[in-house]
């Protein structure tokens, strides 16, 4: 393990609060496997609309409301905002590592459910440490590259960074290495990892501490239209070895041995690549309120039945909204919430053309189209014409906030 150098980052990373909210929402979109819980986690990020702002130095920090949260809520805030800041930083690092690639984020537990039992009689085994997220860097016509990501966070004051609270960050990074080592893709110790601990320091700003491990995990190249492409429906793969699944080869005079963990063997890499691409597609449709469109991409154990039902706005995200920015149409789902007396509409969705491909099960064609569309996404100048914060991602997703007109009360 080693710290991430400036050269690895590729310069400074500029973020807006709404980009952090976008990252939180994308990270959690499949965590509840749909229905009411899925809706709550989909819009999880909105509670932080008043928690982040920019200070006079141009750095992002916590607002007064963000600093005065109740104690039990502070731990939740640190954990959830750590996902937003951690994923945003991790995506930036991976994108710099693999230029001209698009990055997709998938929740690790959702992936593992397709091949490993994580509950019931296997609960103790399923609690084995594992990374929080997988980032897939992909480009049509090239093998995908996978990076493990672990995100943790804590609150502290700048004056105490060398004291007890600073040790919390160190402990979180150490714990992150244990979680990352709980899963392997292909040969042992070949998958790169990013361990991130975000310090929320109030007026001291936000600091994302990062460790990385070397390596490169490549998945087999898929050929559109050929067997094994991501358009083909797959089943869960029962019988993947667990426990004692990870094989550590002989080294430094020590004999080869097996340890507990989740490992994708060489013979399963093709299946895993399909699974990763299809689960990523499920996350895209869920982000846009896809309902049954999401179900087509999930296996039974990943929670397909939770999406394969009629959708209603009160219990799940309904795909029934659209916006236009920079001459492009985006379709998805929206939600209206209040911040004191202000009513805000939040929209999450996808470019309409890309969503059309994904909704029809055409994952490989979506990837080709998304890659070509990167340069056609609305520019910063066009985005400023939107009446509120808006965030675009190269995978075609968008999150937009806008303040609704004040309602006039009719006299009784």
Protein backbone atom coordinates (compact mmCIF):
# COMPACT_ATOMS: atom_id res chain seq x y z
CA UNK A 1 0.00 0.00 0.00
CA UNK A 2 1.13 3.53 -0.70
CA UNK A 3 -0.39 7.03 -0.70
CA UNK A 4 -1.80 8.31 -3.98
CA UNK A 5 0.71 10.76 -5.43
CA UNK A 6 -0.25 13.98 -7.22
CA UNK A 7 0.91 12.41 -10.48
CA UNK A 8 -1.59 9.58 -9.96
CA UNK A 9 -4.39 12.07 -9.40
CA UNK A 10 -3.49 14.10 -12.48
CA UNK A 11 -3.87 17.54 -10.94
CA UNK A 12 -6.43 19.05 -8.59
CA UNK A 13 -9.97 17.71 -8.35
CA UNK A 14 -12.70 20.32 -8.41
CA UNK A 15 -16.09 19.22 -7.08
CA UNK A 16 -19.44 20.88 -6.51
CA UNK A 17 -21.85 19.79 -3.76
CA UNK A 18 -24.34 18.53 -6.34
CA UNK A 19 -21.66 16.36 -7.95
CA UNK A 20 -21.13 14.79 -4.54
CA UNK A 21 -24.91 14.21 -4.22
CA UNK A 22 -24.89 12.64 -7.69
CA UNK A 23 -22.12 10.25 -6.62
CA UNK A 24 -23.97 9.29 -3.42
CA UNK A 25 -27.16 8.55 -5.33
CA UNK A 26 -25.40 6.44 -7.96
CA UNK A 27 -23.50 4.53 -5.30
CA UNK A 28 -26.60 3.55 -3.34
CA UNK A 29 -29.11 3.13 -6.18
CA UNK A 30 -29.21 -0.70 -6.05
CA UNK A 31 -28.42 -1.14 -2.36
CA UNK A 32 -32.07 -1.72 -1.38
CA UNK A 33 -33.05 -3.79 -4.43
CA UNK A 34 -36.05 -1.63 -5.27
CA UNK A 35 -39.48 -0.77 -3.83
CA UNK A 36 -39.85 1.54 -0.80
CA UNK A 37 -36.37 1.00 0.58
CA UNK A 38 -34.88 1.48 -2.88
CA UNK A 39 -36.73 4.78 -3.25
CA UNK A 40 -35.42 6.00 0.11
CA UNK A 41 -31.84 5.09 -0.76
CA UNK A 42 -32.18 6.49 -4.27
CA UNK A 43 -32.88 9.94 -2.84
CA UNK A 44 -30.58 9.49 0.15
CA UNK A 45 -28.31 12.31 -0.99
CA UNK A 46 -30.98 15.02 -0.86
CA UNK A 47 -30.78 15.35 2.90
CA UNK A 48 -27.31 16.86 2.44
CA UNK A 49 -28.45 19.77 0.25
CA UNK A 50 -27.95 22.14 3.19
CA UNK A 51 -24.85 20.42 4.60
CA UNK A 52 -22.21 21.49 2.04
CA UNK A 53 -21.08 24.82 0.63
CA UNK A 54 -17.96 26.64 -0.56
CA UNK A 55 -15.99 28.81 1.86
CA UNK A 56 -14.12 32.03 1.15
CA UNK A 57 -11.00 30.10 0.22
CA UNK A 58 -12.90 28.29 -2.51
CA UNK A 59 -12.81 24.96 -0.68
CA UNK A 60 -15.82 22.87 0.15
CA UNK A 61 -16.78 22.53 3.81
CA UNK A 62 -19.74 21.91 6.09
CA UNK A 63 -22.40 24.55 6.69
CA UNK A 64 -23.56 25.44 10.20
CA UNK A 65 -26.35 22.88 9.82
CA UNK A 66 -23.88 20.27 8.65
CA UNK A 67 -21.69 20.86 11.71
CA UNK A 68 -24.46 20.87 14.29
CA UNK A 69 -26.10 17.55 13.44
CA UNK A 70 -27.02 15.35 16.40
CA UNK A 71 -24.33 12.92 17.47
CA UNK A 72 -26.03 9.80 16.13
CA UNK A 73 -26.67 11.56 12.85
CA UNK A 74 -23.08 12.73 12.54
CA UNK A 75 -21.81 9.18 12.18
CA UNK A 76 -24.40 8.54 9.47
CA UNK A 77 -23.47 11.80 7.73
CA UNK A 78 -19.78 10.92 7.81
CA UNK A 79 -20.49 7.44 6.45
CA UNK A 80 -22.77 8.55 3.63
CA UNK A 81 -20.90 11.67 2.54
CA UNK A 82 -17.75 9.55 2.56
CA UNK A 83 -19.35 7.55 -0.24
CA UNK A 84 -19.95 10.71 -2.27
CA UNK A 85 -16.48 12.21 -1.78
CA UNK A 86 -14.74 8.83 -1.91
CA UNK A 87 -16.41 7.69 -5.13
CA UNK A 88 -15.88 11.06 -6.80
CA UNK A 89 -12.15 10.95 -5.92
CA UNK A 90 -11.83 7.27 -6.87
CA UNK A 91 -13.51 7.82 -10.24
CA UNK A 92 -11.18 10.75 -10.93
CA UNK A 93 -8.10 8.63 -10.12
CA UNK A 94 -9.28 5.66 -12.21
CA UNK A 95 -10.20 7.93 -15.12
CA UNK A 96 -6.72 9.48 -14.97
CA UNK A 97 -5.20 6.00 -14.83
CA UNK A 98 -7.19 4.84 -17.86
CA UNK A 99 -7.65 7.85 -20.17
CA UNK A 100 -10.38 7.68 -22.80
CA UNK A 101 -12.39 5.22 -20.70
CA UNK A 102 -15.80 5.64 -19.08
CA UNK A 103 -16.08 4.55 -15.45
CA UNK A 104 -19.08 2.76 -13.92
CA UNK A 105 -19.69 2.18 -10.21
CA UNK A 106 -21.38 -0.97 -8.90
CA UNK A 107 -22.18 -1.90 -5.31
CA UNK A 108 -20.09 -4.98 -4.41
CA UNK A 109 -22.79 -6.73 -2.37
CA UNK A 110 -25.20 -6.57 -5.32
CA UNK A 111 -22.57 -8.21 -7.51
CA UNK A 112 -21.70 -10.92 -4.99
CA UNK A 113 -25.33 -11.97 -4.51
CA UNK A 114 -25.26 -13.48 -8.00
CA UNK A 115 -22.66 -16.06 -7.00
CA UNK A 116 -22.29 -16.16 -3.25
CA UNK A 117 -24.87 -16.59 -0.48
CA UNK A 118 -24.82 -13.45 1.70
CA UNK A 119 -27.72 -14.19 4.04
CA UNK A 120 -29.71 -16.88 5.80
CA UNK A 121 -27.65 -19.90 6.78
CA UNK A 122 -24.63 -18.31 5.08
CA UNK A 123 -24.86 -15.06 7.04
CA UNK A 124 -21.65 -15.62 9.01
CA UNK A 125 -19.79 -16.48 5.81
CA UNK A 126 -21.37 -13.58 3.97
CA UNK A 127 -20.07 -11.13 6.56
CA UNK A 128 -16.52 -11.76 5.34
CA UNK A 129 -14.86 -8.39 4.65
CA UNK A 130 -15.16 -7.17 1.09
CA UNK A 131 -14.73 -3.83 -0.71
CA UNK A 132 -17.69 -1.45 -0.86
CA UNK A 133 -17.71 -0.78 -4.59
CA UNK A 134 -16.23 -1.97 -7.88
CA UNK A 135 -15.26 0.60 -10.49
CA UNK A 136 -15.21 -0.69 -14.04
CA UNK A 137 -13.22 1.37 -16.55
CA UNK A 138 -14.51 0.43 -19.98
CA UNK A 139 -14.02 1.34 -23.61
CA UNK A 140 -15.72 -0.43 -26.54
CA UNK A 141 -13.32 -2.85 -28.22
CA UNK A 142 -11.00 -3.14 -25.20
CA UNK A 143 -10.97 -5.36 -22.08
CA UNK A 144 -12.51 -3.71 -19.01
CA UNK A 145 -10.33 -2.88 -16.01
CA UNK A 146 -11.64 -3.30 -12.45
CA UNK A 147 -10.64 -1.43 -9.29
CA UNK A 148 -11.87 -2.12 -5.75
CA UNK A 149 -12.96 0.88 -3.67
CA UNK A 150 -13.49 1.23 0.10
CA UNK A 151 -15.02 4.48 1.41
CA UNK A 152 -15.02 5.56 5.07
CA UNK A 153 -15.44 8.93 6.78
CA UNK A 154 -15.28 10.75 10.12
CA UNK A 155 -15.88 14.15 11.73
CA UNK A 156 -13.07 16.06 13.38
CA UNK A 157 -11.69 19.51 14.05
CA UNK A 158 -8.60 20.82 12.20
CA UNK A 159 -6.76 21.49 15.48
CA UNK A 160 -7.04 17.83 16.46
CA UNK A 161 -5.74 16.25 13.28
CA UNK A 162 -2.62 15.01 15.10
CA UNK A 163 -4.58 13.64 18.05
CA UNK A 164 -7.20 11.01 18.66
CA UNK A 165 -9.45 11.92 15.74
CA UNK A 166 -6.51 11.68 13.34
CA UNK A 167 -6.00 8.10 14.53
CA UNK A 168 -9.59 7.40 13.42
CA UNK A 169 -8.58 8.15 9.85
CA UNK A 170 -5.58 5.81 10.12
CA UNK A 171 -7.77 3.06 11.56
CA UNK A 172 -10.26 3.50 8.73
CA UNK A 173 -7.54 3.19 6.11
CA UNK A 174 -6.15 0.08 7.79
CA UNK A 175 -9.65 -1.41 7.93
CA UNK A 176 -10.05 -0.55 4.27
CA UNK A 177 -7.06 -2.72 3.33
CA UNK A 178 -8.66 -5.66 5.13
CA UNK A 179 -11.94 -5.13 3.29
CA UNK A 180 -10.21 -4.84 -0.08
CA UNK A 181 -8.22 -8.04 0.50
CA UNK A 182 -11.46 -9.95 1.09
CA UNK A 183 -12.09 -10.17 -2.66
CA UNK A 184 -9.86 -11.15 -5.56
CA UNK A 185 -10.41 -11.17 -9.32
CA UNK A 186 -8.26 -13.62 -11.26
CA UNK A 187 -4.82 -14.21 -9.83
CA UNK A 188 -4.16 -13.33 -6.19
CA UNK A 189 -3.14 -9.75 -5.45
CA UNK A 190 -3.64 -8.56 -9.02
CA UNK A 191 -6.68 -6.29 -8.53
CA UNK A 192 -5.85 -2.63 -7.73
CA UNK A 193 -7.54 -1.10 -4.69
CA UNK A 194 -8.32 2.41 -3.49
CA UNK A 195 -8.92 2.94 0.23
CA UNK A 196 -10.36 6.36 1.08
CA UNK A 197 -11.10 8.05 4.42
CA UNK A 198 -12.86 11.43 4.23
CA UNK A 199 -12.36 13.91 7.07
CA UNK A 200 -15.26 16.36 7.50
CA UNK A 201 -13.60 19.20 9.40
CA UNK A 202 -16.31 21.85 9.47
CA UNK A 203 -14.74 25.22 8.68
CA UNK A 204 -11.48 23.37 8.04
CA UNK A 205 -12.85 21.97 4.81
CA UNK A 206 -13.00 18.40 3.54
CA UNK A 207 -9.92 16.17 3.22
CA UNK A 208 -9.97 12.84 1.37
CA UNK A 209 -7.06 10.62 2.45
CA UNK A 210 -6.27 7.88 -0.05
CA UNK A 211 -4.15 4.74 -0.15
CA UNK A 212 -3.75 2.56 -3.19
CA UNK A 213 -2.38 -0.86 -4.05
CA UNK A 214 -0.90 -1.66 -7.46
CA UNK A 215 -2.15 -4.16 -10.00
CA UNK A 216 -4.45 -4.43 -12.98
CA UNK A 217 -7.44 -6.76 -13.22
CA UNK A 218 -8.58 -7.14 -16.84
CA UNK A 219 -11.76 -8.92 -17.86
CA UNK A 220 -12.03 -10.86 -21.13
CA UNK A 221 -12.92 -8.80 -24.19
CA UNK A 222 -16.57 -9.20 -25.17
CA UNK A 223 -17.63 -9.12 -28.82
CA UNK A 224 -21.12 -7.68 -29.49
CA UNK A 225 -23.40 -10.30 -30.99
CA UNK A 226 -21.08 -13.17 -30.02
CA UNK A 227 -21.68 -15.62 -27.14
CA UNK A 228 -20.85 -14.09 -23.78
CA UNK A 229 -21.81 -10.51 -24.65
CA UNK A 230 -23.63 -8.37 -22.09
CA UNK A 231 -26.94 -8.45 -23.98
CA UNK A 232 -27.33 -12.14 -23.11
CA UNK A 233 -29.30 -12.89 -19.95
CA UNK A 234 -27.29 -14.80 -17.35
CA UNK A 235 -28.17 -16.78 -14.27
CA UNK A 236 -26.61 -16.77 -10.84
CA UNK A 237 -23.55 -18.99 -10.59
CA UNK A 238 -24.02 -21.28 -7.62
CA UNK A 239 -21.19 -23.42 -6.37
CA UNK A 240 -18.44 -20.79 -6.41
CA UNK A 241 -16.01 -21.93 -3.69
CA UNK A 242 -16.44 -20.35 -0.27
CA UNK A 243 -14.93 -20.28 2.33
CA UNK A 244 -11.18 -20.80 1.84
CA UNK A 245 -11.66 -19.57 -1.72
CA UNK A 246 -8.68 -17.25 -2.13
CA UNK A 247 -5.54 -19.08 -3.16
CA UNK A 248 -2.29 -17.42 -2.02
CA UNK A 249 0.65 -18.82 -3.97
CA UNK A 250 3.90 -19.93 -2.37
CA UNK A 251 6.24 -17.01 -1.74
CA UNK A 252 9.24 -16.05 0.38
CA UNK A 253 9.68 -19.59 1.63
CA UNK A 254 6.02 -19.97 2.67
CA UNK A 255 3.85 -22.73 1.29
CA UNK A 256 0.77 -21.99 -0.83
CA UNK A 257 -2.41 -21.75 1.19
CA UNK A 258 -6.11 -20.88 0.97
CA UNK A 259 -7.78 -18.14 3.02
CA UNK A 260 -11.40 -17.04 3.43
CA UNK A 261 -12.74 -14.59 0.92
CA UNK A 262 -14.46 -14.10 -2.41
CA UNK A 263 -12.45 -14.97 -5.50
CA UNK A 264 -13.42 -14.95 -9.15
CA UNK A 265 -11.36 -17.71 -10.75
CA UNK A 266 -9.83 -17.60 -14.21
CA UNK A 267 -12.63 -19.80 -15.59
CA UNK A 268 -15.31 -17.42 -14.31
CA UNK A 269 -13.87 -14.14 -15.59
CA UNK A 270 -16.06 -14.08 -18.71
CA UNK A 271 -19.22 -14.65 -16.67
CA UNK A 272 -18.09 -12.01 -14.17
CA UNK A 273 -17.56 -9.47 -16.96
CA UNK A 274 -21.12 -10.05 -18.21
CA UNK A 275 -22.42 -9.81 -14.64
CA UNK A 276 -20.59 -6.54 -13.99
CA UNK A 277 -21.85 -4.93 -17.21
CA UNK A 278 -25.44 -6.08 -16.70
CA UNK A 279 -25.53 -5.04 -13.04
CA UNK A 280 -24.15 -1.66 -14.07
CA UNK A 281 -26.98 -1.40 -16.61
CA UNK A 282 -29.46 -2.24 -13.85
CA UNK A 283 -28.05 0.65 -11.82
CA UNK A 284 -28.55 3.02 -14.74
CA UNK A 285 -32.21 2.08 -15.24
CA UNK A 286 -32.87 2.20 -11.49
CA UNK A 287 -31.31 5.68 -11.35
CA UNK A 288 -33.79 6.73 -14.04
CA UNK A 289 -36.74 4.99 -12.35
CA UNK A 290 -36.74 2.01 -14.69
CA UNK A 291 -38.79 -0.43 -12.59
CA UNK A 292 -39.31 -3.53 -14.71
CA UNK A 293 -36.62 -2.30 -17.10
CA UNK A 294 -34.21 -2.85 -14.20
CA UNK A 295 -35.45 -6.38 -13.49
CA UNK A 296 -34.24 -7.69 -16.86
CA UNK A 297 -30.63 -7.21 -15.82
CA UNK A 298 -30.68 -8.79 -12.35
CA UNK A 299 -30.55 -12.41 -11.29
CA UNK A 300 -32.99 -13.85 -8.78
CA UNK A 301 -30.59 -13.53 -5.88
CA UNK A 302 -29.75 -9.95 -6.82
CA UNK A 303 -33.38 -8.96 -6.14
CA UNK A 304 -34.99 -9.17 -9.57
CA UNK A 305 -38.43 -9.85 -8.09
CA UNK A 306 -38.40 -6.49 -6.28
CA UNK A 307 -38.32 -4.66 -9.61
CA UNK A 308 -40.42 -7.06 -11.69
CA UNK A 309 -43.68 -5.56 -10.43
CA UNK A 310 -45.84 -2.56 -11.42
CA UNK A 311 -44.34 0.68 -10.10
CA UNK A 312 -46.14 3.39 -8.15
CA UNK A 313 -44.78 6.77 -7.16
CA UNK A 314 -45.53 6.13 -3.49
CA UNK A 315 -43.46 2.95 -3.26
CA UNK A 316 -40.81 3.12 -5.97
CA UNK A 317 -39.18 5.43 -8.50
CA UNK A 318 -41.47 5.92 -11.50
CA UNK A 319 -39.99 6.59 -14.92
CA UNK A 320 -42.31 9.44 -15.93
CA UNK A 321 -40.35 12.71 -16.09
CA UNK A 322 -38.12 14.48 -18.59
CA UNK A 323 -36.03 17.64 -18.91
CA UNK A 324 -34.16 19.32 -21.78
CA UNK A 325 -30.66 20.83 -21.42
CA UNK A 326 -28.41 22.05 -24.21
CA UNK A 327 -30.70 20.70 -26.90
CA UNK A 328 -30.67 17.15 -25.49
CA UNK A 329 -33.56 15.40 -23.78
CA UNK A 330 -33.09 13.46 -20.56
CA UNK A 331 -35.70 11.05 -19.22
CA UNK A 332 -36.03 9.70 -15.70
CA UNK A 333 -37.78 10.16 -12.39
CA UNK A 334 -38.29 13.11 -10.05
CA UNK A 335 -39.09 13.84 -6.45
CA UNK A 336 -40.35 17.02 -4.76
CA UNK A 337 -39.14 17.78 -1.24
CA UNK A 338 -39.07 20.78 1.07
CA UNK A 339 -36.30 22.71 2.80
CA UNK A 340 -38.23 24.81 5.31
CA UNK A 341 -40.58 26.86 3.08
CA UNK A 342 -38.77 26.15 -0.19
CA UNK A 343 -40.04 23.39 -2.47
CA UNK A 344 -37.34 21.71 -4.56
CA UNK A 345 -37.72 19.32 -7.44
CA UNK A 346 -34.95 16.76 -7.87
CA UNK A 347 -34.56 14.89 -11.14
CA UNK A 348 -32.38 11.86 -11.85
CA UNK A 349 -32.25 10.27 -15.25
CA UNK A 350 -30.35 9.52 -18.44
CA UNK A 351 -29.91 10.86 -21.91
CA UNK A 352 -33.09 9.78 -23.72
CA UNK A 353 -31.30 8.02 -26.59
CA UNK A 354 -29.04 6.07 -24.23
CA UNK A 355 -31.93 5.14 -21.98
CA UNK A 356 -33.80 3.82 -25.01
CA UNK A 357 -30.97 1.38 -25.70
CA UNK A 358 -30.61 0.28 -22.08
CA UNK A 359 -34.37 -0.19 -21.62
CA UNK A 360 -34.42 -2.52 -24.64
CA UNK A 361 -31.63 -4.72 -23.27
CA UNK A 362 -28.97 -3.48 -25.73
CA UNK A 363 -26.06 -3.01 -23.33
CA UNK A 364 -23.23 -3.35 -25.83
CA UNK A 365 -24.85 -0.84 -28.21
CA UNK A 366 -25.46 1.51 -25.27
CA UNK A 367 -21.77 1.43 -24.43
CA UNK A 368 -20.75 2.27 -27.97
CA UNK A 369 -23.29 5.12 -28.12
CA UNK A 370 -22.35 6.46 -24.66
CA UNK A 371 -18.69 6.51 -25.61
CA UNK A 372 -19.45 8.49 -28.77
CA UNK A 373 -21.79 10.86 -26.89
CA UNK A 374 -19.20 12.02 -24.34
CA UNK A 375 -18.25 15.08 -26.38
CA UNK A 376 -21.92 15.92 -27.05
CA UNK A 377 -23.00 16.25 -23.42
CA UNK A 378 -24.16 19.75 -22.44
CA UNK A 379 -21.29 22.16 -21.87
CA UNK A 380 -20.71 24.09 -18.65
CA UNK A 381 -22.18 27.20 -20.31
CA UNK A 382 -25.33 25.29 -21.33
CA UNK A 383 -25.60 23.78 -17.86
CA UNK A 384 -25.55 27.26 -16.30
CA UNK A 385 -28.76 28.05 -18.17
CA UNK A 386 -30.55 25.42 -16.07
CA UNK A 387 -32.44 27.02 -13.19
CA UNK A 388 -30.51 25.24 -10.46
CA UNK A 389 -27.58 22.89 -9.73
CA UNK A 390 -27.05 20.15 -12.31
CA UNK A 391 -24.49 17.35 -12.65
CA UNK A 392 -23.70 15.25 -15.74
CA UNK A 393 -21.72 12.03 -15.94
CA UNK A 394 -20.08 10.43 -18.96
CA UNK A 395 -22.25 7.31 -18.58
CA UNK A 396 -25.20 9.50 -19.65
CA UNK A 397 -26.74 10.06 -16.20
CA UNK A 398 -27.80 13.43 -14.85
CA UNK A 399 -28.99 14.81 -11.51
CA UNK A 400 -30.71 18.19 -11.54
CA UNK A 401 -32.25 20.34 -8.79
CA UNK A 402 -34.60 23.26 -9.29
CA UNK A 403 -36.61 25.52 -6.96
CA UNK A 404 -40.35 25.43 -7.61
CA UNK A 405 -42.52 28.56 -7.57
CA UNK A 406 -44.06 29.55 -4.24
CA UNK A 407 -47.57 28.18 -3.83
CA UNK A 408 -50.27 30.73 -3.12
CA UNK A 409 -52.79 29.77 -0.47
CA UNK A 410 -56.44 30.30 -1.31
CA UNK A 411 -58.47 32.07 1.32
CA UNK A 412 -61.08 29.91 3.08
